[in-house]
PDB file of N, CA and C in Angstrom:
ATOM      1  N   MET A   1      -4.009 -16.757   9.115  1.00  0.00           N
ATOM      2  CA  MET A   1      -3.038 -15.971   8.308  1.00  0.00           C
ATOM      3  C   MET A   1      -1.635 -16.617   7.845  1.00  0.00           C
ATOM      4  N   ASP A   2      -1.303 -16.234   6.471  1.00  0.00           N
ATOM      5  CA  ASP A   2      -0.445 -16.723   5.885  1.00  0.00           C
ATOM      6  C   ASP A   2       1.159 -15.968   6.339  1.00  0.00           C
ATOM      7  N   PHE A   3       0.513 -14.702   6.508  1.00  0.00           N
ATOM      8  CA  PHE A   3       1.953 -13.747   6.741  1.00  0.00           C
ATOM      9  C   PHE A   3       1.960 -13.436   8.002  1.00  0.00           C
ATOM     10  N   PRO A   4       3.121 -13.249   8.324  1.00  0.00           N
ATOM     11  CA  PRO A   4       3.598 -12.369   9.701  1.00  0.00           C
ATOM     12  C   PRO A   4       2.419 -11.244   9.724  1.00  0.00           C
ATOM     13  N   ARG A   5       2.521 -10.852  10.967  1.00  0.00           N
ATOM     14  CA  ARG A   5       1.820  -9.176  11.187  1.00  0.00           C
ATOM     15  C   ARG A   5       3.005  -8.346  10.922  1.00  0.00           C
ATOM     16  N   VAL A   6       2.616  -7.263   9.973  1.00  0.00           N
ATOM     17  CA  VAL A   6       3.534  -6.107   9.589  1.00  0.00           C
ATOM     18  C   VAL A   6       2.818  -4.993   9.868  1.00  0.00           C
ATOM     19  N   PHE A   7       3.544  -3.700   9.854  1.00  0.00           N
ATOM     20  CA  PHE A   7       2.929  -2.339   9.770  1.00  0.00           C
ATOM     21  C   PHE A   7       4.139  -1.677   8.751  1.00  0.00           C
ATOM     22  N   ILE A   8       3.536  -1.405   7.795  1.00  0.00           N
ATOM     23  CA  ILE A   8       4.223  -0.678   6.389  1.00  0.00           C
ATOM     24  C   ILE A   8       4.033   0.838   6.657  1.00  0.00           C
ATOM     25  N   LEU A   9       4.975   1.459   6.863  1.00  0.00           N
ATOM     26  CA  LEU A   9       5.198   3.001   7.152  1.00  0.00           C
ATOM     27  C   LEU A   9       5.569   3.462   5.430  1.00  0.00           C
ATOM     28  N   ILE A  10       4.929   4.434   5.063  1.00  0.00           N
ATOM     29  CA  ILE A  10       5.102   4.860   3.749  1.00  0.00           C
ATOM     30  C   ILE A  10       5.799   6.309   4.318  1.00  0.00           C
ATOM     31  N   ARG A  11       7.044   6.532   3.966  1.00  0.00           N
ATOM     32  CA  ARG A  11       7.578   7.776   4.796  1.00  0.00           C
ATOM     33  C   ARG A  11       7.274   8.915   3.787  1.00  0.00           C
ATOM     34  N   ASP A  12       6.918   9.109   2.289  1.00  0.00           N
ATOM     35  CA  ASP A  12       6.338  10.208   1.856  1.00  0.00           C
ATOM     36  C   ASP A  12       5.217   9.891   0.770  1.00  0.00           C
ATOM     37  N   GLN A  13       3.998  10.359   1.437  1.00  0.00           N
ATOM     38  CA  GLN A  13       2.920   9.945   0.871  1.00  0.00           C
ATOM     39  C   GLN A  13       2.987  10.666  -0.789  1.00  0.00           C
ATOM     40  N   ASP A  14       3.450  11.748  -0.792  1.00  0.00           N
ATOM     41  CA  ASP A  14       3.244  12.342  -2.139  1.00  0.00           C
ATOM     42  C   ASP A  14       3.997  11.760  -3.280  1.00  0.00           C
ATOM     43  N   ILE A  15       5.177  11.266  -2.871  1.00  0.00           N
ATOM     44  CA  ILE A  15       5.970  10.508  -3.871  1.00  0.00           C
ATOM     45  C   ILE A  15       5.661   9.216  -4.015  1.00  0.00           C
ATOM     46  N   ALA A  16       4.726   8.330  -2.996  1.00  0.00           N
ATOM     47  CA  ALA A  16       4.583   7.292  -2.855  1.00  0.00           C
ATOM     48  C   ALA A  16       3.369   6.767  -4.393  1.00  0.00           C
ATOM     49  N   TYR A  17       2.632   7.956  -4.417  1.00  0.00           N
ATOM     50  CA  TYR A  17       1.651   8.009  -5.092  1.00  0.00           C
ATOM     51  C   TYR A  17       1.995   7.781  -6.517  1.00  0.00           C
ATOM     52  N   TRP A  18       3.080   8.674  -6.949  1.00  0.00           N
ATOM     53  CA  TRP A  18       3.772   8.304  -8.136  1.00  0.00           C
ATOM     54  C   TRP A  18       4.579   7.399  -8.554  1.00  0.00           C
ATOM     55  N   ALA A  19       5.342   6.819  -7.667  1.00  0.00           N
ATOM     56  CA  ALA A  19       6.262   5.760  -7.719  1.00  0.00           C
ATOM     57  C   ALA A  19       6.024   4.628  -8.309  1.00  0.00           C
ATOM     58  N   ASP A  20       7.368   4.034  -9.204  1.00  0.00           N
ATOM     59  CA  ASP A  20       7.314   2.804  -9.605  1.00  0.00           C
ATOM     60  C   ASP A  20       7.228   1.613  -8.450  1.00  0.00           C
ATOM     61  N   PHE A  21       7.142   0.575  -8.466  1.00  0.00           N
ATOM     62  CA  PHE A  21       7.387  -0.551  -7.542  1.00  0.00           C
ATOM     63  C   PHE A  21       8.769  -0.306  -6.790  1.00  0.00           C
ATOM     64  N   GLU A  22       9.622  -0.512  -8.150  1.00  0.00           N
ATOM     65  CA  GLU A  22      10.969  -0.549  -7.247  1.00  0.00           C
ATOM     66  C   GLU A  22      11.555   0.560  -6.604  1.00  0.00           C
ATOM     67  N   ALA A  23      10.999   1.676  -7.122  1.00  0.00           N
ATOM     68  CA  ALA A  23      11.400   3.080  -6.263  1.00  0.00           C
ATOM     69  C   ALA A  23      10.528   2.941  -5.006  1.00  0.00           C
ATOM     70  N   TRP A  24       9.143   2.367  -4.796  1.00  0.00           N
ATOM     71  CA  TRP A  24       8.370   2.103  -3.733  1.00  0.00           C
ATOM     72  C   TRP A  24       8.684   1.339  -2.314  1.00  0.00           C
ATOM     73  N   LYS A  25       9.380   0.055  -3.192  1.00  0.00           N
ATOM     74  CA  LYS A  25       9.916  -0.857  -1.949  1.00  0.00           C
ATOM     75  C   LYS A  25      11.491  -0.457  -1.518  1.00  0.00           C
ATOM     76  N   ASN A  26      12.179   0.444  -2.246  1.00  0.00           N
ATOM     77  CA  ASN A  26      13.628   0.407  -1.992  1.00  0.00           C
ATOM     78  C   ASN A  26      13.637   1.791  -1.267  1.00  0.00           C
ATOM     79  N   ASP A  27      13.206   2.564  -1.450  1.00  0.00           N
ATOM     80  CA  ASP A  27      13.252   4.468  -1.192  1.00  0.00           C
ATOM     81  C   ASP A  27      11.986   4.661  -0.482  1.00  0.00           C
ATOM     82  N   ILE A  28      10.826   4.366  -0.253  1.00  0.00           N
ATOM     83  CA  ILE A  28       9.755   4.867   0.138  1.00  0.00           C
ATOM     84  C   ILE A  28       8.980   4.302   1.042  1.00  0.00           C
ATOM     85  N   ILE A  29       8.933   3.146   1.478  1.00  0.00           N
ATOM     86  CA  ILE A  29       8.254   2.547   2.512  1.00  0.00           C
ATOM     87  C   ILE A  29       9.466   1.351   3.141  1.00  0.00           C
ATOM     88  N   GLU A  30       8.789   1.334   4.512  1.00  0.00           N
ATOM     89  CA  GLU A  30       9.689   0.364   5.558  1.00  0.00           C
ATOM     90  C   GLU A  30       8.593  -0.687   6.308  1.00  0.00           C
ATOM     91  N   VAL A  31       8.801  -1.651   6.442  1.00  0.00           N
ATOM     92  CA  VAL A  31       8.514  -2.793   6.802  1.00  0.00           C
ATOM     93  C   VAL A  31       8.926  -2.989   8.212  1.00  0.00           C
ATOM     94  N   ASN A  32       7.938  -2.871   9.182  1.00  0.00           N
ATOM     95  CA  ASN A  32       8.089  -3.300  10.367  1.00  0.00           C
ATOM     96  C   ASN A  32       7.281  -4.474  11.139  1.00  0.00           C
ATOM     97  N   PHE A  33       7.828  -5.404  11.605  1.00  0.00           N
ATOM     98  CA  PHE A  33       7.356  -6.923  12.046  1.00  0.00           C
ATOM     99  C   PHE A  33       6.936  -6.544  13.714  1.00  0.00           C
ATOM    100  N   PHE A  34       5.333  -6.682  13.729  1.00  0.00           N
ATOM    101  CA  PHE A  34       5.108  -6.633  15.089  1.00  0.00           C
ATOM    102  C   PHE A  34       5.704  -7.997  16.297  1.00  0.00           C
ATOM    103  N   ASN A  35       6.254  -9.019  15.528  1.00  0.00           N
ATOM    104  CA  ASN A  35       7.064 -10.060  15.964  1.00  0.00           C
ATOM    105  C   ASN A  35       8.428 -10.096  15.560  1.00  0.00           C
ATOM    106  N   PRO A  36       9.356  -9.274  15.918  1.00  0.00           N
ATOM    107  CA  PRO A  36      10.566  -9.078  14.935  1.00  0.00           C
ATOM    108  C   PRO A  36      11.056 -10.725  14.618  1.00  0.00           C
ATOM    109  N   SER A  37      10.657 -11.626  15.512  1.00  0.00           N
ATOM    110  CA  SER A  37      11.142 -12.862  14.979  1.00  0.00           C
ATOM    111  C   SER A  37      10.854 -13.498  13.897  1.00  0.00           C
ATOM    112  N   GLU A  38       9.836 -13.126  13.580  1.00  0.00           N
ATOM    113  CA  GLU A  38       9.183 -13.928  11.991  1.00  0.00           C
ATOM    114  C   GLU A  38       9.598 -13.133  10.794  1.00  0.00           C
ATOM    115  N   ARG A  39      10.740 -11.844  11.196  1.00  0.00           N
ATOM    116  CA  ARG A  39      10.991 -11.504   9.910  1.00  0.00           C
ATOM    117  C   ARG A  39      12.000 -12.548   9.323  1.00  0.00           C
ATOM    118  N   ALA A  40      12.790 -13.529  10.011  1.00  0.00           N
ATOM    119  CA  ALA A  40      14.098 -14.274   9.176  1.00  0.00           C
ATOM    120  C   ALA A  40      12.913 -15.214   8.264  1.00  0.00           C
ATOM    121  N   GLU A  41      11.911 -15.645   8.765  1.00  0.00           N
ATOM    122  CA  GLU A  41      11.313 -16.582   7.655  1.00  0.00           C
ATOM    123  C   GLU A  41      10.267 -16.028   6.748  1.00  0.00           C
ATOM    124  N   ALA A  42      10.367 -14.631   6.879  1.00  0.00           N
ATOM    125  CA  ALA A  42       9.059 -13.981   6.033  1.00  0.00           C
ATOM    126  C   ALA A  42       9.769 -13.727   4.491  1.00  0.00           C
ATOM    127  N   ASP A  43       8.761 -13.808   3.820  1.00  0.00           N
ATOM    128  CA  ASP A  43       9.127 -13.657   2.038  1.00  0.00           C
ATOM    129  C   ASP A  43       8.929 -12.006   2.299  1.00  0.00           C
ATOM    130  N   LEU A  44       9.765 -11.441   2.147  1.00  0.00           N
ATOM    131  CA  LEU A  44       9.264  -9.829   1.973  1.00  0.00           C
ATOM    132  C   LEU A  44       9.297  -9.341   0.762  1.00  0.00           C
ATOM    133  N   GLU A  45       9.740 -10.184  -0.531  1.00  0.00           N
ATOM    134  CA  GLU A  45       9.067  -9.506  -1.807  1.00  0.00           C
ATOM    135  C   GLU A  45       7.808 -10.104  -1.851  1.00  0.00           C
ATOM    136  N   GLU A  46       7.425 -11.139  -1.268  1.00  0.00           N
ATOM    137  CA  GLU A  46       5.944 -11.389  -1.385  1.00  0.00           C
ATOM    138  C   GLU A  46       4.718 -10.322  -0.663  1.00  0.00           C
ATOM    139  N   ILE A  47       5.257 -10.229   0.429  1.00  0.00           N
ATOM    140  CA  ILE A  47       4.569  -9.016   1.055  1.00  0.00           C
ATOM    141  C   ILE A  47       4.704  -7.688   0.615  1.00  0.00           C
ATOM    142  N   LEU A  48       5.726  -7.137   0.033  1.00  0.00           N
ATOM    143  CA  LEU A  48       5.947  -6.275  -0.579  1.00  0.00           C
ATOM    144  C   LEU A  48       4.982  -5.889  -1.680  1.00  0.00           C
ATOM    145  N   THR A  49       5.041  -7.167  -2.422  1.00  0.00           N
ATOM    146  CA  THR A  49       4.130  -7.454  -3.814  1.00  0.00           C
ATOM    147  C   THR A  49       2.536  -7.132  -3.189  1.00  0.00           C
ATOM    148  N   ASP A  50       2.270  -7.857  -2.436  1.00  0.00           N
ATOM    149  CA  ASP A  50       1.072  -7.812  -1.759  1.00  0.00           C
ATOM    150  C   ASP A  50       0.518  -6.457  -1.480  1.00  0.00           C
ATOM    151  N   ALA A  51       1.209  -5.841  -0.806  1.00  0.00           N
ATOM    152  CA  ALA A  51       0.686  -4.687  -0.235  1.00  0.00           C
ATOM    153  C   ALA A  51       0.874  -3.684  -1.464  1.00  0.00           C
ATOM    154  N   TRP A  52       1.605  -3.393  -2.541  1.00  0.00           N
ATOM    155  CA  TRP A  52       1.771  -2.959  -3.447  1.00  0.00           C
ATOM    156  C   TRP A  52       0.282  -3.225  -4.365  1.00  0.00           C
ATOM    157  N   ASN A  53      -0.011  -4.129  -4.466  1.00  0.00           N
ATOM    158  CA  ASN A  53      -1.305  -4.526  -5.286  1.00  0.00           C
ATOM    159  C   ASN A  53      -2.507  -4.309  -4.303  1.00  0.00           C
ATOM    160  N   PHE A  54      -2.478  -4.192  -3.154  1.00  0.00           N
ATOM    161  CA  PHE A  54      -3.616  -3.563  -2.394  1.00  0.00           C
ATOM    162  C   PHE A  54      -3.935  -2.196  -2.617  1.00  0.00           C
ATOM    163  N   LEU A  55      -2.657  -1.533  -2.802  1.00  0.00           N
ATOM    164  CA  LEU A  55      -2.864  -0.183  -2.814  1.00  0.00           C
ATOM    165  C   LEU A  55      -3.501   0.274  -4.216  1.00  0.00           C
ATOM    166  N   ALA A  56      -3.338  -0.730  -5.595  1.00  0.00           N
ATOM    167  CA  ALA A  56      -3.484  -0.610  -6.655  1.00  0.00           C
ATOM    168  C   ALA A  56      -4.994  -0.650  -6.850  1.00  0.00           C
ATOM    169  N   LEU A  57      -5.765  -1.933  -5.787  1.00  0.00           N
ATOM    170  CA  LEU A  57      -7.045  -1.908  -5.933  1.00  0.00           C
ATOM    171  C   LEU A  57      -7.757  -0.754  -5.147  1.00  0.00           C
ATOM    172  N   ILE A  58      -6.868  -0.275  -3.990  1.00  0.00           N
ATOM    173  CA  ILE A  58      -7.570   1.080  -3.393  1.00  0.00           C
ATOM    174  C   ILE A  58      -7.948   2.258  -4.715  1.00  0.00           C
ATOM    175  N   GLU A  59      -6.582   2.041  -5.056  1.00  0.00           N
ATOM    176  CA  GLU A  59      -6.946   3.367  -6.051  1.00  0.00           C
ATOM    177  C   GLU A  59      -8.215   3.066  -7.086  1.00  0.00           C
ATOM    178  N   GLU A  60      -8.204   1.861  -7.359  1.00  0.00           N
ATOM    179  CA  GLU A  60      -9.176   1.152  -8.529  1.00  0.00           C
ATOM    180  C   GLU A  60     -10.525   1.721  -7.960  1.00  0.00           C
ATOM    181  N   GLU A  61     -10.840   1.553  -6.759  1.00  0.00           N
ATOM    182  CA  GLU A  61     -11.947   1.725  -6.105  1.00  0.00           C
ATOM    183  C   GLU A  61     -12.145   3.325  -6.148  1.00  0.00           C
ATOM    184  N   GLU A  62     -10.994   3.968  -5.549  1.00  0.00           N
ATOM    185  CA  GLU A  62     -11.494   5.651  -5.286  1.00  0.00           C
ATOM    186  C   GLU A  62     -11.576   6.112  -6.937  1.00  0.00           C
ATOM    187  N   GLU A  63     -11.073   5.789  -7.863  1.00  0.00           N
ATOM    188  CA  GLU A  63     -11.498   6.103  -9.526  1.00  0.00           C
ATOM    189  C   GLU A  63     -12.844   5.772  -9.378  1.00  0.00           C
ATOM    190  N   ASN A  64     -13.378   4.720  -9.307  1.00  0.00           N
ATOM    191  CA  ASN A  64     -14.903   3.808  -9.525  1.00  0.00           C
ATOM    192  C   ASN A  64     -15.544   5.186  -8.748  1.00  0.00           C
ATOM    193  N   GLN A  65     -15.503   4.956  -7.376  1.00  0.00           N
ATOM    194  CA  GLN A  65     -16.076   6.320  -6.706  1.00  0.00           C
ATOM    195  C   GLN A  65     -16.443   7.535  -6.929  1.00  0.00           C
ATOM    196  N   TYR A  66     -15.411   7.968  -7.938  1.00  0.00           N
ATOM    197  CA  TYR A  66     -14.937   9.333  -8.387  1.00  0.00           C
ATOM    198  C   TYR A  66     -16.269   9.279  -9.654  1.00  0.00           C
ATOM    199  N   GLU A  67     -16.134   8.545 -10.458  1.00  0.00           N
ATOM    200  CA  GLU A  67     -16.774   8.372 -11.448  1.00  0.00           C
ATOM    201  C   GLU A  67     -18.612   8.205 -11.025  1.00  0.00           C
ATOM    202  N   LEU A  68     -18.695   7.125 -10.332  1.00  0.00           N
ATOM    203  CA  LEU A  68     -20.222   7.055  -9.619  1.00  0.00           C
ATOM    204  C   LEU A  68     -20.924   8.465  -9.139  1.00  0.00           C
ATOM    205  N   ASN A  69     -19.953   9.227  -8.671  1.00  0.00           N
ATOM    206  CA  ASN A  69     -20.496  10.742  -7.766  1.00  0.00           C
ATOM    207  C   ASN A  69     -19.906  11.869  -8.953  1.00  0.00           C
ATOM    208  N   ASN A  70     -20.041  11.426 -10.549  1.00  0.00           N
ATOM    209  CA  ASN A  70     -19.787  12.338 -11.400  1.00  0.00           C
ATOM    210  C   ASN A  70     -18.664  13.273 -11.122  1.00  0.00           C
ATOM    211  N   GLY A  71     -17.559  12.670 -10.816  1.00  0.00           N
ATOM    212  CA  GLY A  71     -16.797  13.717 -10.667  1.00  0.00           C
ATOM    213  C   GLY A  71     -16.520  14.460  -9.329  1.00  0.00           C
ATOM    214  N   TYR A  72     -17.435  14.465  -8.781  1.00  0.00           N
ATOM    215  CA  TYR A  72     -17.511  15.096  -7.594  1.00  0.00           C
ATOM    216  C   TYR A  72     -17.608  14.295  -6.112  1.00  0.00           C
ATOM    217  N   GLU A  73     -16.917  14.845  -5.136  1.00  0.00           N
ATOM    218  CA  GLU A  73     -16.978  13.905  -4.010  1.00  0.00           C
ATOM    219  C   GLU A  73     -18.653  14.324  -3.623  1.00  0.00           C
ATOM    220  N   ASP A  74     -18.946  13.524  -2.373  1.00  0.00           N
ATOM    221  CA  ASP A  74     -20.214  13.476  -2.424  1.00  0.00           C
ATOM    222  C   ASP A  74     -20.343  14.251  -0.820  1.00  0.00           C
ATOM    223  N   ASP A  75     -20.394  15.403  -0.805  1.00  0.00           N
ATOM    224  CA  ASP A  75     -20.585  16.417   0.179  1.00  0.00           C
ATOM    225  C   ASP A  75     -21.876  16.699   0.643  1.00  0.00           C
ATOM    226  N   GLY A  76     -23.142  16.183   0.380  1.00  0.00           N
ATOM    227  CA  GLY A  76     -24.156  16.421   0.755  1.00  0.00           C
ATOM    228  C   GLY A  76     -24.972  17.492   0.202  1.00  0.00           C
ATOM    229  N   ILE A  77     -24.105  18.101  -0.686  1.00  0.00           N
ATOM    230  CA  ILE A  77     -24.800  19.638  -1.270  1.00  0.00           C
ATOM    231  C   ILE A  77     -25.393  19.236  -2.552  1.00  0.00           C
TER     232      ILE A  77
END
């Protein structure tokens, strides 16, 4: 694994959904390291960029699933 293990706390999910990257990284999230000694060596900007890109991929996949289900959640009905 290239990165230290981290836990990213999203303080406000509703605001995070609509935030741009700068607001997201500066005001909405908090990065916590499982091993605090790794923080000094970590490239925090790279960790945040990868986390942001991962969320974008998740959002894209959710949109694809929504379209596949003709705009409806698959609730078995």
